[in-house]
C-alpha atoms as a PDB file:
ATOM      1  CA  MET A   1     -14.269   0.920  17.487  1.00  0.00           C
ATOM      2  CA  SER A   2     -14.730   4.130  19.378  1.00  0.00           C
ATOM      3  CA  ALA A   3     -16.981   7.323  19.141  1.00  0.00           C
ATOM      4  CA  ASP A   4     -13.622   9.005  17.970  1.00  0.00           C
ATOM      5  CA  TYR A   5     -13.870   7.128  14.463  1.00  0.00           C
ATOM      6  CA  LYS A   6     -15.517   7.638  11.835  1.00  0.00           C
ATOM      7  CA  PRO A   7     -15.975   4.353   9.547  1.00  0.00           C
ATOM      8  CA  VAL A   8     -15.298   6.313   6.740  1.00  0.00           C
ATOM      9  CA  SER A   9     -14.187  10.230   6.458  1.00  0.00           C
ATOM     10  CA  TRP A  10     -15.741  10.340   2.548  1.00  0.00           C
ATOM     11  CA  THR A  11     -13.710  12.920   0.597  1.00  0.00           C
ATOM     12  CA  ARG A  12     -14.499  13.731  -3.721  1.00  0.00           C
ATOM     13  CA  SER A  13     -11.398  11.787  -4.581  1.00  0.00           C
ATOM     14  CA  LYS A  14     -12.129   8.694  -2.046  1.00  0.00           C
ATOM     15  CA  ALA A  15     -16.059   9.184  -3.827  1.00  0.00           C
ATOM     16  CA  VAL A  16     -14.392   8.854  -7.629  1.00  0.00           C
ATOM     17  CA  TYR A  17     -11.932   6.157  -6.499  1.00  0.00           C
ATOM     18  CA  ASP A  18     -14.526   4.136  -5.203  1.00  0.00           C
ATOM     19  CA  SER A  19     -16.502   5.042  -7.979  1.00  0.00           C
ATOM     20  CA  VAL A  20     -14.210   3.796 -10.384  1.00  0.00           C
ATOM     21  CA  MET A  21     -13.394   0.883  -8.957  1.00  0.00           C
ATOM     22  CA  LEU A  22     -16.859  -0.365  -8.482  1.00  0.00           C
ATOM     23  CA  VAL A  23     -17.880  -0.202 -12.043  1.00  0.00           C
ATOM     24  CA  GLY A  24     -14.818  -1.398 -13.335  1.00  0.00           C
ATOM     25  CA  ILE A  25     -15.174  -4.321 -11.124  1.00  0.00           C
ATOM     26  CA  VAL A  26     -19.094  -4.255 -12.560  1.00  0.00           C
ATOM     27  CA  LEU A  27     -17.812  -4.237 -16.027  1.00  0.00           C
ATOM     28  CA  TYR A  28     -15.379  -6.817 -15.630  1.00  0.00           C
ATOM     29  CA  LEU A  29     -17.946  -9.845 -13.713  1.00  0.00           C
ATOM     30  CA  LEU A  30     -20.421  -9.191 -16.326  1.00  0.00           C
ATOM     31  CA  ALA A  31     -18.151  -9.095 -19.336  1.00  0.00           C
ATOM     32  CA  PHE A  32     -16.773 -12.529 -18.268  1.00  0.00           C
ATOM     33  CA  LEU A  33     -20.179 -13.575 -17.658  1.00  0.00           C
ATOM     34  CA  TRP A  34     -21.498 -12.529 -21.116  1.00  0.00           C
ATOM     35  CA  ILE A  35     -18.087 -13.303 -23.059  1.00  0.00           C
ATOM     36  CA  GLY A  36     -16.685 -16.183 -21.112  1.00  0.00           C
ATOM     37  CA  PRO A  37     -18.905 -18.974 -22.424  1.00  0.00           C
ATOM     38  CA  ARG A  38     -18.606 -17.797 -25.925  1.00  0.00           C
ATOM     39  CA  LEU A  39     -14.679 -18.790 -26.142  1.00  0.00           C
ATOM     40  CA  GLN A  40     -15.121 -21.998 -24.927  1.00  0.00           C
ATOM     41  CA  SER A  41     -14.478 -24.264 -27.692  1.00  0.00           C
ATOM     42  CA  VAL A  42     -16.645 -27.000 -25.663  1.00  0.00           C
ATOM     43  CA  THR A  43     -19.636 -28.964 -27.051  1.00  0.00           C
ATOM     44  CA  LEU A  44     -21.533 -27.847 -23.982  1.00  0.00           C
ATOM     45  CA  PRO A  45     -20.954 -24.104 -22.500  1.00  0.00           C
ATOM     46  CA  PRO A  46     -20.279 -24.031 -18.995  1.00  0.00           C
ATOM     47  CA  ASP A  47     -23.032 -23.816 -16.698  1.00  0.00           C
ATOM     48  CA  ALA A  48     -23.395 -20.267 -14.912  1.00  0.00           C
ATOM     49  CA  PRO A  49     -22.596 -21.150 -11.773  1.00  0.00           C
ATOM     50  CA  THR A  50     -19.022 -22.460 -12.692  1.00  0.00           C
ATOM     51  CA  MET A  51     -18.954 -19.540 -15.101  1.00  0.00           C
ATOM     52  CA  ALA A  52     -19.734 -16.875 -11.717  1.00  0.00           C
ATOM     53  CA  MET A  53     -16.842 -19.296  -9.459  1.00  0.00           C
ATOM     54  CA  LYS A  54     -14.042 -18.033 -12.486  1.00  0.00           C
ATOM     55  CA  ALA A  55     -15.444 -14.773 -13.320  1.00  0.00           C
ATOM     56  CA  TYR A  56     -15.469 -13.655  -8.972  1.00  0.00           C
ATOM     57  CA  GLY A  57     -11.920 -15.789  -8.995  1.00  0.00           C
ATOM     58  CA  SER A  58     -10.410 -14.410 -11.575  1.00  0.00           C
ATOM     59  CA  CYS A  59     -11.423 -11.146 -10.765  1.00  0.00           C
ATOM     60  CA  ALA A  60      -9.865 -10.890  -7.311  1.00  0.00           C
ATOM     61  CA  PHE A  61      -6.810 -12.338  -8.437  1.00  0.00           C
ATOM     62  CA  LEU A  62      -6.168  -9.512 -11.115  1.00  0.00           C
ATOM     63  CA  MET A  63      -7.424  -7.034  -8.037  1.00  0.00           C
ATOM     64  CA  LEU A  64      -4.668  -8.051  -5.906  1.00  0.00           C
ATOM     65  CA  THR A  65      -2.123  -8.137  -8.433  1.00  0.00           C
ATOM     66  CA  LEU A  66      -3.339  -4.548  -8.788  1.00  0.00           C
ATOM     67  CA  VAL A  67      -3.174  -3.950  -4.839  1.00  0.00           C
ATOM     68  CA  LEU A  68       0.704  -5.213  -5.140  1.00  0.00           C
ATOM     69  CA  CYS A  69       1.549  -3.615  -7.645  1.00  0.00           C
ATOM     70  CA  ILE A  70       0.489   0.241  -6.567  1.00  0.00           C
ATOM     71  CA  GLY A  71       2.886   0.204  -3.865  1.00  0.00           C
ATOM     72  CA  PRO A  72       6.123  -0.014  -6.186  1.00  0.00           C
ATOM     73  CA  LEU A  73       4.847   1.784  -8.919  1.00  0.00           C
ATOM     74  CA  ALA A  74       4.161   4.844  -6.441  1.00  0.00           C
ATOM     75  CA  ARG A  75       8.151   4.481  -5.552  1.00  0.00           C
ATOM     76  CA  LEU A  76       8.927   4.825  -9.193  1.00  0.00           C
ATOM     77  CA  ASP A  77       6.991   7.003 -10.435  1.00  0.00           C
ATOM     78  CA  THR A  78       4.742   9.692  -8.177  1.00  0.00           C
ATOM     79  CA  ARG A  79       2.338   9.883 -10.857  1.00  0.00           C
ATOM     80  CA  PHE A  80       0.800   7.297  -9.381  1.00  0.00           C
ATOM     81  CA  LEU A  81       0.297   8.165  -6.171  1.00  0.00           C
ATOM     82  CA  PRO A  82      -3.407   8.746  -6.317  1.00  0.00           C
ATOM     83  CA  LEU A  83      -3.914   5.036  -6.489  1.00  0.00           C
ATOM     84  CA  LEU A  84      -1.942   4.286  -2.799  1.00  0.00           C
ATOM     85  CA  TYR A  85      -4.115   7.295  -0.980  1.00  0.00           C
ATOM     86  CA  ASN A  86      -6.934   4.924  -0.791  1.00  0.00           C
ATOM     87  CA  ARG A  87      -5.568   1.543  -1.732  1.00  0.00           C
ATOM     88  CA  ARG A  88      -7.147  -0.038   1.363  1.00  0.00           C
ATOM     89  CA  HIS A  89     -10.325   0.707   0.331  1.00  0.00           C
ATOM     90  CA  LEU A  90      -8.793  -1.800  -2.907  1.00  0.00           C
ATOM     91  CA  GLY A  91      -7.890  -3.971  -0.788  1.00  0.00           C
ATOM     92  CA  VAL A  92     -11.625  -4.337   1.414  1.00  0.00           C
ATOM     93  CA  MET A  93     -13.252  -4.843  -1.889  1.00  0.00           C
ATOM     94  CA  THR A  94     -10.780  -7.778  -3.194  1.00  0.00           C
ATOM     95  CA  CYS A  95     -11.933  -8.944  -0.189  1.00  0.00           C
ATOM     96  CA  ALA A  96     -15.532  -8.943  -1.055  1.00  0.00           C
ATOM     97  CA  VAL A  97     -14.877 -10.091  -4.452  1.00  0.00           C
ATOM     98  CA  ALA A  98     -13.239 -13.032  -2.969  1.00  0.00           C
ATOM     99  CA  ALA A  99     -16.107 -13.966  -0.794  1.00  0.00           C
ATOM    100  CA  GLY A 100     -18.189 -13.880  -4.005  1.00  0.00           C
ATOM    101  CA  HIS A 101     -15.936 -16.519  -5.247  1.00  0.00           C
ATOM    102  CA  LEU A 102     -16.370 -18.659  -1.794  1.00  0.00           C
ATOM    103  CA  PHE A 103     -19.676 -18.522  -1.275  1.00  0.00           C
ATOM    104  CA  ALA A 104     -20.276 -19.586  -5.440  1.00  0.00           C
ATOM    105  CA  VAL A 105     -18.025 -22.565  -4.818  1.00  0.00           C
ATOM    106  CA  LEU A 106     -20.008 -23.567  -1.324  1.00  0.00           C
ATOM    107  CA  ASP A 107     -23.382 -23.194  -3.566  1.00  0.00           C
ATOM    108  CA  TRP A 108     -22.623 -24.952  -6.346  1.00  0.00           C
ATOM    109  CA  HIS A 109     -19.865 -27.844  -5.516  1.00  0.00           C
ATOM    110  CA  PHE A 110     -21.394 -28.460  -2.294  1.00  0.00           C
ATOM    111  CA  ALA A 111     -25.350 -27.653  -2.233  1.00  0.00           C
ATOM    112  CA  TYR A 112     -25.872 -31.249  -2.629  1.00  0.00           C
ATOM    113  CA  SER A 113     -23.565 -32.713   0.179  1.00  0.00           C
ATOM    114  CA  PRO A 114     -25.107 -34.544   2.994  1.00  0.00           C
ATOM    115  CA  THR A 115     -22.711 -32.643   4.936  1.00  0.00           C
ATOM    116  CA  PRO A 116     -22.695 -28.902   5.532  1.00  0.00           C
ATOM    117  CA  PRO A 117     -21.105 -26.863   2.884  1.00  0.00           C
ATOM    118  CA  LEU A 118     -18.480 -25.643   5.177  1.00  0.00           C
ATOM    119  CA  ALA A 119     -17.793 -29.077   6.263  1.00  0.00           C
ATOM    120  CA  ALA A 120     -17.380 -30.490   2.911  1.00  0.00           C
ATOM    121  CA  LEU A 121     -15.197 -27.953   1.925  1.00  0.00           C
ATOM    122  CA  LEU A 122     -12.583 -28.129   4.581  1.00  0.00           C
ATOM    123  CA  GLY A 123     -13.240 -31.733   4.544  1.00  0.00           C
ATOM    124  CA  ALA A 124     -12.558 -31.827   0.620  1.00  0.00           C
ATOM    125  CA  ASP A 125      -9.602 -34.122  -0.663  1.00  0.00           C
ATOM    126  CA  THR A 126      -7.831 -31.703  -2.756  1.00  0.00           C
ATOM    127  CA  ALA A 127      -4.095 -30.076  -2.866  1.00  0.00           C
ATOM    128  CA  PHE A 128      -5.800 -26.854  -3.751  1.00  0.00           C
ATOM    129  CA  ILE A 129      -8.456 -25.602  -1.591  1.00  0.00           C
ATOM    130  CA  PRO A 130      -6.189 -25.139   1.470  1.00  0.00           C
ATOM    131  CA  PHE A 131      -4.078 -22.430  -0.319  1.00  0.00           C
ATOM    132  CA  GLY A 132      -7.282 -20.859  -0.801  1.00  0.00           C
ATOM    133  CA  ILE A 133      -8.576 -20.802   2.359  1.00  0.00           C
ATOM    134  CA  PHE A 134      -5.724 -19.646   3.698  1.00  0.00           C
ATOM    135  CA  ALA A 135      -5.498 -16.373   1.123  1.00  0.00           C
ATOM    136  CA  PHE A 136      -9.217 -15.577   1.780  1.00  0.00           C
ATOM    137  CA  LEU A 137      -8.385 -15.549   6.043  1.00  0.00           C
ATOM    138  CA  VAL A 138      -5.529 -13.334   5.089  1.00  0.00           C
ATOM    139  CA  LEU A 139      -7.368 -11.028   3.104  1.00  0.00           C
ATOM    140  CA  LEU A 140     -10.260 -10.974   5.344  1.00  0.00           C
ATOM    141  CA  ALA A 141      -8.279 -10.385   8.766  1.00  0.00           C
ATOM    142  CA  MET A 142      -6.642  -7.341   6.796  1.00  0.00           C
ATOM    143  CA  ALA A 143     -10.318  -6.158   5.500  1.00  0.00           C
ATOM    144  CA  CYS A 144     -11.376  -6.525   9.087  1.00  0.00           C
ATOM    145  CA  THR A 145      -8.601  -4.662  10.409  1.00  0.00           C
ATOM    146  CA  SER A 146      -8.271  -1.914   7.866  1.00  0.00           C
ATOM    147  CA  HIS A 147      -9.527   1.199   9.622  1.00  0.00           C
ATOM    148  CA  ASP A 148      -7.144   3.485  12.020  1.00  0.00           C
ATOM    149  CA  PHE A 149      -8.428   2.418  14.790  1.00  0.00           C
ATOM    150  CA  TRP A 150      -6.488  -0.955  14.477  1.00  0.00           C
ATOM    151  CA  LEU A 151      -3.775   0.904  13.004  1.00  0.00           C
ATOM    152  CA  VAL A 152      -3.651   2.914  16.402  1.00  0.00           C
ATOM    153  CA  PHE A 153      -5.185  -0.073  18.901  1.00  0.00           C
ATOM    154  CA  LEU A 154      -1.884  -2.120  17.222  1.00  0.00           C
ATOM    155  CA  GLY A 155       0.323   0.088  16.581  1.00  0.00           C
ATOM    156  CA  PRO A 156       2.451   0.963  13.210  1.00  0.00           C
ATOM    157  CA  PRO A 157       4.807  -1.675  13.426  1.00  0.00           C
ATOM    158  CA  VAL A 158       2.374  -4.741  14.597  1.00  0.00           C
ATOM    159  CA  TRP A 159      -0.022  -3.087  11.874  1.00  0.00           C
ATOM    160  CA  LYS A 160       2.038  -2.997   8.994  1.00  0.00           C
ATOM    161  CA  ALA A 161       3.742  -6.849  10.080  1.00  0.00           C
ATOM    162  CA  LEU A 162      -0.180  -8.044  10.096  1.00  0.00           C
ATOM    163  CA  HIS A 163      -1.089  -7.080   6.407  1.00  0.00           C
ATOM    164  CA  MET A 164       2.448  -8.167   4.767  1.00  0.00           C
ATOM    165  CA  ALA A 165       1.061 -11.237   5.110  1.00  0.00           C
ATOM    166  CA  VAL A 166      -0.831  -9.972   1.700  1.00  0.00           C
ATOM    167  CA  TYR A 167       2.087 -11.265   0.297  1.00  0.00           C
ATOM    168  CA  ALA A 168       2.059 -14.963   1.940  1.00  0.00           C
ATOM    169  CA  ALA A 169      -1.426 -14.863   0.791  1.00  0.00           C
ATOM    170  CA  TYR A 170      -0.737 -13.935  -2.999  1.00  0.00           C
ATOM    171  CA  ALA A 171       1.818 -16.884  -3.236  1.00  0.00           C
ATOM    172  CA  ALA A 172      -1.068 -18.590  -2.178  1.00  0.00           C
ATOM    173  CA  VAL A 173      -3.348 -17.730  -4.734  1.00  0.00           C
ATOM    174  CA  VAL A 174      -0.934 -18.664  -7.715  1.00  0.00           C
ATOM    175  CA  VAL A 175      -0.644 -21.802  -6.151  1.00  0.00           C
ATOM    176  CA  HIS A 176      -4.528 -22.519  -5.503  1.00  0.00           C
ATOM    177  CA  ILE A 177      -4.825 -21.112  -9.190  1.00  0.00           C
ATOM    178  CA  GLY A 178      -1.589 -23.676 -10.451  1.00  0.00           C
ATOM    179  CA  PHE A 179      -3.416 -27.034  -8.526  1.00  0.00           C
ATOM    180  CA  GLY A 180      -6.736 -25.777  -9.010  1.00  0.00           C
ATOM    181  CA  ALA A 181      -8.455 -24.261 -12.161  1.00  0.00           C
ATOM    182  CA  LEU A 182      -5.032 -24.788 -14.360  1.00  0.00           C
ATOM    183  CA  GLN A 183      -5.304 -28.588 -14.286  1.00  0.00           C
ATOM    184  CA  ASP A 184      -8.211 -28.720 -15.867  1.00  0.00           C
ATOM    185  CA  ALA A 185      -8.162 -25.608 -18.531  1.00  0.00           C
ATOM    186  CA  ARG A 186      -8.282 -26.249 -21.937  1.00  0.00           C
ATOM    187  CA  ASN A 187      -6.049 -23.065 -23.609  1.00  0.00           C
ATOM    188  CA  PRO A 188      -2.785 -21.518 -22.079  1.00  0.00           C
ATOM    189  CA  THR A 189      -4.448 -18.095 -21.702  1.00  0.00           C
ATOM    190  CA  LEU A 190      -5.149 -18.299 -18.071  1.00  0.00           C
ATOM    191  CA  ALA A 191      -1.442 -19.718 -17.493  1.00  0.00           C
ATOM    192  CA  ILE A 192       0.038 -17.243 -19.516  1.00  0.00           C
ATOM    193  CA  VAL A 193      -2.540 -14.698 -17.440  1.00  0.00           C
ATOM    194  CA  VAL A 194      -1.270 -15.881 -13.975  1.00  0.00           C
ATOM    195  CA  MET A 195       2.606 -15.699 -14.976  1.00  0.00           C
ATOM    196  CA  LEU A 196       2.231 -12.004 -16.090  1.00  0.00           C
ATOM    197  CA  CYS A 197       0.394 -11.375 -13.284  1.00  0.00           C
ATOM    198  CA  THR A 198       3.231 -12.922 -11.401  1.00  0.00           C
ATOM    199  CA  ALA A 199       6.313 -11.879 -12.834  1.00  0.00           C
ATOM    200  CA  THR A 200       5.295  -8.012 -13.042  1.00  0.00           C
ATOM    201  CA  VAL A 201       4.732  -8.214  -9.067  1.00  0.00           C
ATOM    202  CA  CYS A 202       8.215  -9.423  -8.720  1.00  0.00           C
ATOM    203  CA  ALA A 203       9.635  -7.190 -11.203  1.00  0.00           C
ATOM    204  CA  LEU A 204       8.158  -3.899 -10.010  1.00  0.00           C
ATOM    205  CA  HIS A 205       9.305  -4.970  -6.350  1.00  0.00           C
ATOM    206  CA  LEU A 206      12.545  -5.715  -7.322  1.00  0.00           C
ATOM    207  CA  ALA A 207      13.094  -2.141  -9.255  1.00  0.00           C
ATOM    208  CA  ALA A 208      11.704  -0.297  -6.654  1.00  0.00           C
ATOM    209  CA  ALA A 209      13.972  -2.262  -4.184  1.00  0.00           C
ATOM    210  CA  ARG A 210      17.086  -1.609  -6.245  1.00  0.00           C
ATOM    211  CA  ARG A 211      16.072   2.354  -6.241  1.00  0.00           C
ATOM    212  CA  GLU A 212      15.372   2.779  -2.397  1.00  0.00           C
ATOM    213  CA  HIS A 213      18.822   0.626  -1.602  1.00  0.00           C
ATOM    214  CA  ARG A 214      21.207   3.304  -3.876  1.00  0.00           C
ATOM    215  CA  ARG A 215      19.160   5.663  -1.645  1.00  0.00           C
ATOM    216  CA  ASP A 216      19.962   4.019   1.453  1.00  0.00           C
ATOM    217  CA  THR A 217      23.489   3.834   0.553  1.00  0.00           C
ATOM    218  CA  SER A 218      24.147   7.326   0.081  1.00  0.00           C
ATOM    219  CA  LEU A 219      25.159   8.589   3.597  1.00  0.00           C
ATOM    220  CA  ALA A 220      25.461  12.055   4.267  1.00  0.00           C
ATOM    221  CA  THR A 221      29.126  13.459   4.749  1.00  0.00           C
ATOM    222  CA  PRO A 222      30.281  14.236   8.021  1.00  0.00           C
ATOM    223  CA  ALA A 223      30.811  18.190   8.736  1.00  0.00           C
ATOM    224  CA  PRO A 224      34.559  19.281  10.261  1.00  0.00           C
ATOM    225  CA  GLU A 225      32.645  19.194  13.625  1.00  0.00           C
ATOM    226  CA  PRO A 226      30.863  17.112  15.131  1.00  0.00           C
ATOM    227  CA  PRO A 227      28.347  15.720  15.403  1.00  0.00           C
ATOM    228  CA  TRP A 228      26.851  17.894  12.507  1.00  0.00           C
ATOM    229  CA  LEU A 229      26.763  16.316   9.083  1.00  0.00           C
ATOM    230  CA  VAL A 230      26.734  18.199   5.641  1.00  0.00           C
ATOM    231  CA  ALA A 231      23.058  17.399   4.389  1.00  0.00           C
ATOM    232  CA  GLY A 232      23.445  19.140   0.758  1.00  0.00           C
ATOM    233  CA  ARG A 233      23.146  22.577  -0.832  1.00  0.00           C
ATOM    234  CA  ALA A 234      20.545  25.008   0.118  1.00  0.00           C
ATOM    235  CA  ASP A 235      19.850  25.682  -3.558  1.00  0.00           C
ATOM    236  CA  ASP A 236      19.443  22.045  -4.228  1.00  0.00           C
ATOM    237  CA  ILE A 237      16.333  21.628  -2.379  1.00  0.00           C
ATOM    238  CA  ALA A 238      12.954  23.069  -4.332  1.00  0.00           C
ATOM    239  CA  GLU A 239      10.502  25.204  -2.802  1.00  0.00           C
ATOM    240  CA  ASN A 240       7.811  23.020  -1.017  1.00  0.00           C
ATOM    241  CA  ARG A 241      10.137  19.660  -1.464  1.00  0.00           C
ATOM    242  CA  ALA A 242      12.735  18.328   0.444  1.00  0.00           C
ATOM    243  CA  ILE A 243      15.763  16.482   0.222  1.00  0.00           C
ATOM    244  CA  VAL A 244      16.260  13.212   2.329  1.00  0.00           C
ATOM    245  CA  VAL A 245      19.594  12.679   4.636  1.00  0.00           C
ATOM    246  CA  ARG A 246      20.451   9.558   5.879  1.00  0.00           C
ATOM    247  CA  PRO A 247      23.136   9.637   8.711  1.00  0.00           C
ATOM    248  CA  ALA A 248      25.324   6.781   9.188  1.00  0.00           C
ATOM    249  CA  ASP A 249      23.228   5.849  12.275  1.00  0.00           C
ATOM    250  CA  GLY A 250      19.623   6.690  13.135  1.00  0.00           C
ATOM    251  CA  GLU A 251      16.604   7.184  11.015  1.00  0.00           C
ATOM    252  CA  ALA A 252      16.591   9.204   7.931  1.00  0.00           C
ATOM    253  CA  VAL A 253      15.800  13.028   8.095  1.00  0.00           C
ATOM    254  CA  ALA A 254      13.464  14.765   5.569  1.00  0.00           C
ATOM    255  CA  ILE A 255      14.968  18.696   5.144  1.00  0.00           C
ATOM    256  CA  PHE A 256      11.979  20.863   3.498  1.00  0.00           C
ATOM    257  CA  ARG A 257      12.195  24.403   2.129  1.00  0.00           C
ATOM    258  CA  HIS A 258       9.176  26.870   2.571  1.00  0.00           C
ATOM    259  CA  GLN A 259       8.768  30.197   1.797  1.00  0.00           C
ATOM    260  CA  GLY A 260      12.599  30.914   1.872  1.00  0.00           C
ATOM    261  CA  ARG A 261      13.061  28.317   5.342  1.00  0.00           C
ATOM    262  CA  LEU A 262      14.513  25.388   6.169  1.00  0.00           C
ATOM    263  CA  SER A 263      13.082  22.437   8.574  1.00  0.00           C
ATOM    264  CA  ALA A 264      13.818  19.112   9.314  1.00  0.00           C
ATOM    265  CA  VAL A 265      11.740  16.307  10.701  1.00  0.00           C
ATOM    266  CA  SER A 266      11.820  12.589  10.691  1.00  0.00           C
ATOM    267  CA  HIS A 267      11.819  11.029   6.883  1.00  0.00           C
ATOM    268  CA  VAL A 268       8.554   8.769   8.940  1.00  0.00           C
ATOM    269  CA  CYS A 269       5.388   9.644   9.023  1.00  0.00           C
ATOM    270  CA  ALA A 270       3.004   8.547  12.435  1.00  0.00           C
ATOM    271  CA  HIS A 271       0.540   6.935  10.674  1.00  0.00           C
ATOM    272  CA  GLN A 272       2.158   4.099   8.716  1.00  0.00           C
ATOM    273  CA  ASN A 273       5.548   4.621   8.118  1.00  0.00           C
ATOM    274  CA  GLY A 274       5.305   6.604   5.135  1.00  0.00           C
ATOM    275  CA  PRO A 275       8.004   8.423   3.214  1.00  0.00           C
ATOM    276  CA  LEU A 276       7.641  12.187   4.306  1.00  0.00           C
ATOM    277  CA  GLY A 277      10.347  13.731   2.539  1.00  0.00           C
ATOM    278  CA  GLU A 278       8.634  12.711  -1.028  1.00  0.00           C
ATOM    279  CA  GLY A 279       5.719  14.378  -0.005  1.00  0.00           C
ATOM    280  CA  ARG A 280       5.500  18.462  -0.514  1.00  0.00           C
ATOM    281  CA  VAL A 281       4.366  20.957   1.678  1.00  0.00           C
ATOM    282  CA  VAL A 282       0.676  22.244   1.272  1.00  0.00           C
ATOM    283  CA  ASP A 283      -1.162  24.701   2.813  1.00  0.00           C
ATOM    284  CA  GLY A 284       1.945  25.362   5.061  1.00  0.00           C
ATOM    285  CA  CYS A 285       1.951  21.632   6.289  1.00  0.00           C
ATOM    286  CA  ILE A 286       4.539  18.547   5.733  1.00  0.00           C
ATOM    287  CA  THR A 287       1.661  16.202   3.899  1.00  0.00           C
ATOM    288  CA  CYS A 288       2.827  12.766   3.484  1.00  0.00           C
ATOM    289  CA  PRO A 289       2.638  11.497   0.202  1.00  0.00           C
ATOM    290  CA  TRP A 290       1.085   7.987   1.682  1.00  0.00           C
ATOM    291  CA  HIS A 291      -2.108   8.995   3.275  1.00  0.00           C
ATOM    292  CA  GLY A 292      -2.472  13.007   3.514  1.00  0.00           C
ATOM    293  CA  TYR A 293      -1.573  13.182   7.274  1.00  0.00           C
ATOM    294  CA  GLN A 294       0.308  16.567   7.566  1.00  0.00           C
ATOM    295  CA  TYR A 295       2.634  17.854   9.981  1.00  0.00           C
ATOM    296  CA  ARG A 296       3.456  21.419  11.005  1.00  0.00           C
ATOM    297  CA  LEU A 297       6.882  22.344   9.699  1.00  0.00           C
ATOM    298  CA  GLU A 298       8.060  24.465  12.677  1.00  0.00           C
ATOM    299  CA  ASP A 299       7.274  21.479  15.451  1.00  0.00           C
ATOM    300  CA  GLY A 300       6.484  18.416  13.834  1.00  0.00           C
ATOM    301  CA  THR A 301       3.320  18.571  15.001  1.00  0.00           C
ATOM    302  CA  SER A 302      -0.378  17.810  13.164  1.00  0.00           C
ATOM    303  CA  PRO A 303      -2.263  20.321  13.255  1.00  0.00           C
ATOM    304  CA  PRO A 304      -5.940  20.247  15.649  1.00  0.00           C
ATOM    305  CA  PRO A 305      -7.706  18.358  16.280  1.00  0.00           C
ATOM    306  CA  PHE A 306      -5.308  16.140  15.095  1.00  0.00           C
ATOM    307  CA  THR A 307      -2.421  15.014  17.851  1.00  0.00           C
ATOM    308  CA  GLU A 308       0.275  12.755  15.678  1.00  0.00           C
ATOM    309  CA  ARG A 309       3.802  13.792  16.328  1.00  0.00           C
ATOM    310  CA  ILE A 310       7.214  13.292  14.469  1.00  0.00           C
ATOM    311  CA  ALA A 311      11.081  14.055  15.361  1.00  0.00           C
ATOM    312  CA  THR A 312      12.365  17.702  14.822  1.00  0.00           C
ATOM    313  CA  TYR A 313      16.047  18.151  13.734  1.00  0.00           C
ATOM    314  CA  ARG A 314      17.912  21.488  14.160  1.00  0.00           C
ATOM    315  CA  LEU A 315      19.609  22.816  11.138  1.00  0.00           C
ATOM    316  CA  ARG A 316      22.703  25.709  10.345  1.00  0.00           C
ATOM    317  CA  LEU A 317      24.252  27.002   7.329  1.00  0.00           C
ATOM    318  CA  ASP A 318      27.737  26.780   6.515  1.00  0.00           C
ATOM    319  CA  GLY A 319      27.809  29.156   3.574  1.00  0.00           C
ATOM    320  CA  ARG A 320      25.355  27.728   1.233  1.00  0.00           C
ATOM    321  CA  LEU A 321      25.724  24.109   2.562  1.00  0.00           C
ATOM    322  CA  VAL A 322      23.321  22.889   5.076  1.00  0.00           C
ATOM    323  CA  LEU A 323      24.634  21.094   8.178  1.00  0.00           C
ATOM    324  CA  LEU A 324      22.103  18.851   9.877  1.00  0.00           C
ATOM    325  CA  ASP A 325      22.292  17.680  13.780  1.00  0.00           C
ATOM    326  CA  PRO A 326      21.451  14.008  13.332  1.00  0.00           C
ATOM    327  CA  ARG A 327      20.562  13.647  17.151  1.00  0.00           C
ATOM    328  CA  PRO A 328      16.517  13.742  16.870  1.00  0.00           C
ATOM    329  CA  ASN A 329      14.910  15.706  19.316  1.00  0.00           C
ATOM    330  CA  PRO A 330      11.400  14.390  21.102  1.00  0.00           C
ATOM    331  CA  PRO A 331       8.809  14.546  18.844  1.00  0.00           C
ATOM    332  CA  GLY A 332       6.735  17.636  18.353  1.00  0.00           C
ATOM    333  CA  THR A 333       9.695  19.504  19.792  1.00  0.00           C
ATOM    334  CA  PRO A 334       9.572  23.390  18.447  1.00  0.00           C
ATOM    335  CA  VAL A 335      12.658  24.471  16.483  1.00  0.00           C
ATOM    336  CA  PRO A 336      12.884  27.582  14.518  1.00  0.00           C
ATOM    337  CA  PRO A 337      13.187  27.325  10.983  1.00  0.00           C
ATOM    338  CA  LEU A 338      16.545  28.039   9.301  1.00  0.00           C
ATOM    339  CA  GLU A 339      16.165  31.353   7.159  1.00  0.00           C
ATOM    340  CA  LEU A 340      18.147  31.253   4.095  1.00  0.00           C
ATOM    341  CA  PRO A 341      20.055  34.771   3.030  1.00  0.00           C
ATOM    342  CA  ALA A 342      18.529  36.046  -0.137  1.00  0.00           C
END
């Protein structure tokens, strides 16, 4: 990295987020290791290393499920947005817990092999191990590139495409469990948990996709004078909030209302392409609901010392109707906010 980036810019919300996460992980592992052996209906309870492998593995799977559920939950209900702000911390910790599972496997199953443990693992003639290795490598790549330095260095599209591999990793984990732990499970509990988690992830993403599809297909109405579009009524825009307008051609536009004036900017945040129109105005700046990136209403530029910029748009009134020029101005172009009559 460079001197311009800090490893973590700690805030109170991040400290609380990480504290709750760490406490939850520790409590889960302790509960699993203490309760797990007592639920085994066998004469000889499982040994401690085997229970540790199961504890770390199940914890990582549940955490990865939560990581994939946070996104659609936040789109379906804004009350889940606080979970989204620092989701990368949860992803990095998921990788760390998965590493604990990997090291427990190497330390137990391959510790007495004449072959080095890692070589023995890679050469093992079992169907489920390659899926687990693939999933861990994806999580490791995501954890190593989670910092904003890599987001800027790679660019948002490439960075986002890389991190979309988490879905392939999740599918690989499900196969890894199916060909591995489920083969010698003596009760259906694990199978039920895996099926419920997988079904929940799929259902939430389908529900969020359906909601977004309905919004994306509601295009703005052309105004009598092209290229202007009818964005909606000024009275329908809540104070410090926005409506999102989707032209037939071009990107979606967010029109914000603040102190009796309207401003139009790109709906896409320059950080991770977050939905700016779902955010609100905080301290006079448009604030992205994903990670709190801010932009000034009058020119779409982040306040100093930040340098992010987004496109701005022109507005005008026709009675109480708001008209939008869908042609974007260059990012950071000043556009005077549109005054609303009393």
